[in-house]
Amino acid sequence: MKIAIINGPNLNLLGKRETDIYGNMPFDEYFVSLQALFPQVELTYFQSNIEGELIDEIQKVGFSYDGIVLNPGGYTHTSVALGDAIAAVKTPVVEVHISNVHAREEFRKLSHVSGKSAGSIIGLGLKGYELAILWLLGKS
């Protein structure tokens, strides 16, 4: 089974930015723990601060992988194009947010990707990635 984890803008700063919201662990370190937790899964990781690169990655893996775990970051609330990319591919996408976006600023309550995703995991910290992978494994 192949699952891609795709992270959007500013998630390259995990462990450094707003640690009270996002925690102290850099995603690269967390990714290693995910690989150890799911040795039977071929996990890949991609991060970009550029909307078009995220769309390109979704399109690249969206017809050949078994699942995508997507944290679109701030593009959640602004990018119709990311939602369109999710709708265009065959691979199921699980939207993940580390923080509870519904308990934050009003503008964060709008998502252009939730309605196109198979499901959303919001506000459970990094554990959301693990839960998304478990859900995708159950689909196979």
Protein backbone atom coordinates (compact mmCIF):
# COMPACT_ATOMS: atom_id res chain seq x y z
CA MET A 1 0.00 0.00 0.00
CA LYS A 2 1.22 3.49 -0.91
CA ILE A 3 0.11 6.57 0.98
CA ALA A 4 1.31 10.11 0.33
CA ILE A 5 1.41 12.73 3.05
CA ILE A 6 1.19 16.21 1.57
CA ASN A 7 1.65 19.28 3.77
CA GLY A 8 0.97 22.84 2.74
CA PRO A 9 2.34 26.24 3.69
CA ASN A 10 4.26 26.88 6.88
CA LEU A 11 4.16 23.24 7.96
CA ASN A 12 7.89 23.09 7.26
CA LEU A 13 8.18 25.20 10.43
CA LEU A 14 6.56 22.68 12.77
CA GLY A 15 8.50 22.53 16.01
CA LYS A 16 9.52 26.18 15.58
CA ARG A 17 6.32 28.15 14.96
CA GLU A 18 3.51 28.71 17.42
CA THR A 19 4.48 25.69 19.47
CA ASP A 20 1.57 26.31 21.81
CA ILE A 21 -0.73 25.46 18.88
CA TYR A 22 1.35 23.09 16.74
CA GLY A 23 3.70 21.41 19.22
CA ASN A 24 7.47 21.05 19.43
CA MET A 25 8.15 18.22 16.99
CA PRO A 26 9.41 18.93 13.47
CA PHE A 27 7.39 17.02 10.88
CA ASP A 28 10.47 15.24 9.51
CA GLU A 29 10.98 13.63 12.93
CA TYR A 30 7.31 12.73 13.19
CA PHE A 31 7.39 11.22 9.70
CA VAL A 32 10.14 8.80 10.81
CA SER A 33 7.89 7.66 13.68
CA LEU A 34 5.00 7.15 11.24
CA GLN A 35 7.23 5.00 9.04
CA ALA A 36 8.14 2.88 12.08
CA LEU A 37 4.49 2.62 13.12
CA PHE A 38 3.39 1.51 9.64
CA PRO A 39 6.26 -0.56 8.20
CA GLN A 40 3.85 -2.33 5.84
CA VAL A 41 2.97 0.98 4.15
CA GLU A 42 5.09 2.81 1.62
CA LEU A 43 4.78 6.34 2.97
CA THR A 44 6.01 9.35 1.03
CA TYR A 45 6.18 12.93 2.25
CA PHE A 46 5.93 16.18 0.33
CA GLN A 47 5.71 19.72 1.64
CA SER A 48 5.45 23.00 -0.21
CA ASN A 49 4.55 26.59 0.51
CA ILE A 50 3.46 26.97 -3.13
CA GLU A 51 -0.15 26.21 -4.09
CA GLY A 52 0.65 25.01 -7.61
CA GLU A 53 3.27 22.56 -6.34
CA LEU A 54 0.69 21.05 -3.97
CA ILE A 55 -1.74 20.66 -6.87
CA ASP A 56 0.98 19.07 -9.00
CA GLU A 57 1.75 16.56 -6.22
CA ILE A 58 -1.92 15.66 -5.75
CA GLN A 59 -2.21 15.06 -9.49
CA LYS A 60 1.06 13.09 -9.56
CA VAL A 61 0.02 10.57 -6.89
CA GLY A 62 -3.75 10.83 -7.24
CA PHE A 63 -4.14 8.00 -9.75
CA SER A 64 -1.51 5.56 -8.53
CA TYR A 65 -1.44 5.74 -4.71
CA ASP A 66 -3.90 4.12 -2.34
CA GLY A 67 -4.42 7.25 -0.26
CA ILE A 68 -3.44 10.84 0.36
CA VAL A 69 -3.24 12.52 3.75
CA LEU A 70 -3.43 16.25 3.06
CA ASN A 71 -2.86 19.15 5.41
CA PRO A 72 -3.44 22.12 3.11
CA GLY A 73 -2.59 24.62 5.85
CA GLY A 74 -3.83 28.12 5.12
CA TYR A 75 -4.78 27.17 1.56
CA THR A 76 -7.72 25.30 3.11
CA HIS A 77 -9.57 28.58 3.37
CA THR A 78 -8.52 30.19 0.09
CA SER A 79 -7.81 27.59 -2.59
CA VAL A 80 -10.65 26.52 -4.82
CA ALA A 81 -7.95 24.99 -7.02
CA LEU A 82 -6.86 22.54 -4.30
CA GLY A 83 -10.45 21.41 -3.88
CA ASP A 84 -10.71 20.96 -7.63
CA ALA A 85 -7.50 18.88 -7.66
CA ILE A 86 -8.90 16.59 -4.96
CA ALA A 87 -12.12 16.16 -6.92
CA ALA A 88 -10.17 15.36 -10.11
CA VAL A 89 -8.20 12.38 -8.76
CA LYS A 90 -9.31 8.84 -7.96
CA THR A 91 -7.23 8.36 -4.79
CA PRO A 92 -9.13 9.06 -1.54
CA VAL A 93 -7.91 12.14 0.32
CA VAL A 94 -8.17 12.62 4.08
CA GLU A 95 -7.87 16.25 5.17
CA VAL A 96 -5.90 16.73 8.39
CA HIS A 97 -5.45 19.82 10.55
CA ILE A 98 -3.26 19.81 13.64
CA SER A 99 -5.23 22.57 15.37
CA ASN A 100 -8.98 22.83 15.78
CA VAL A 101 -9.64 25.31 12.99
CA HIS A 102 -13.25 25.68 14.15
CA ALA A 103 -12.08 27.09 17.50
CA ARG A 104 -9.83 29.69 15.89
CA GLU A 105 -10.43 32.77 13.75
CA GLU A 106 -13.72 32.98 11.88
CA PHE A 107 -12.09 32.79 8.43
CA ARG A 108 -10.63 29.36 9.29
CA LYS A 109 -14.10 27.83 9.44
CA LEU A 110 -14.36 27.92 5.62
CA SER A 111 -12.78 24.97 3.81
CA HIS A 112 -12.52 24.58 0.06
CA VAL A 113 -11.19 21.03 0.50
CA SER A 114 -13.42 19.39 3.14
CA GLY A 115 -16.33 18.80 0.78
CA LYS A 116 -14.04 17.16 -1.78
CA SER A 117 -12.19 14.96 0.73
CA ALA A 118 -13.24 11.51 1.92
CA GLY A 119 -13.10 12.86 5.48
CA SER A 120 -11.47 15.34 7.82
CA ILE A 121 -9.53 14.97 11.06
CA ILE A 122 -9.28 18.26 12.88
CA GLY A 123 -7.70 19.38 16.13
CA LEU A 124 -6.07 16.16 17.32
CA GLY A 125 -2.48 17.32 16.85
CA LEU A 126 -0.04 15.19 14.91
CA LYS A 127 -2.08 12.13 15.93
CA GLY A 128 -4.46 13.11 13.11
CA TYR A 129 -1.97 11.85 10.52
CA GLU A 130 -1.82 8.44 12.19
CA LEU A 131 -5.61 8.26 12.37
CA ALA A 132 -5.88 9.18 8.69
CA ILE A 133 -3.48 6.39 7.74
CA LEU A 134 -5.42 3.90 9.86
CA TRP A 135 -8.64 4.90 8.12
CA LEU A 136 -7.01 4.55 4.67
CA LEU A 137 -5.67 1.11 5.65
CA GLY A 138 -9.18 0.04 6.57
CA LYS A 139 -10.40 1.00 3.10
CA SER A 140 -8.11 -1.46 1.34
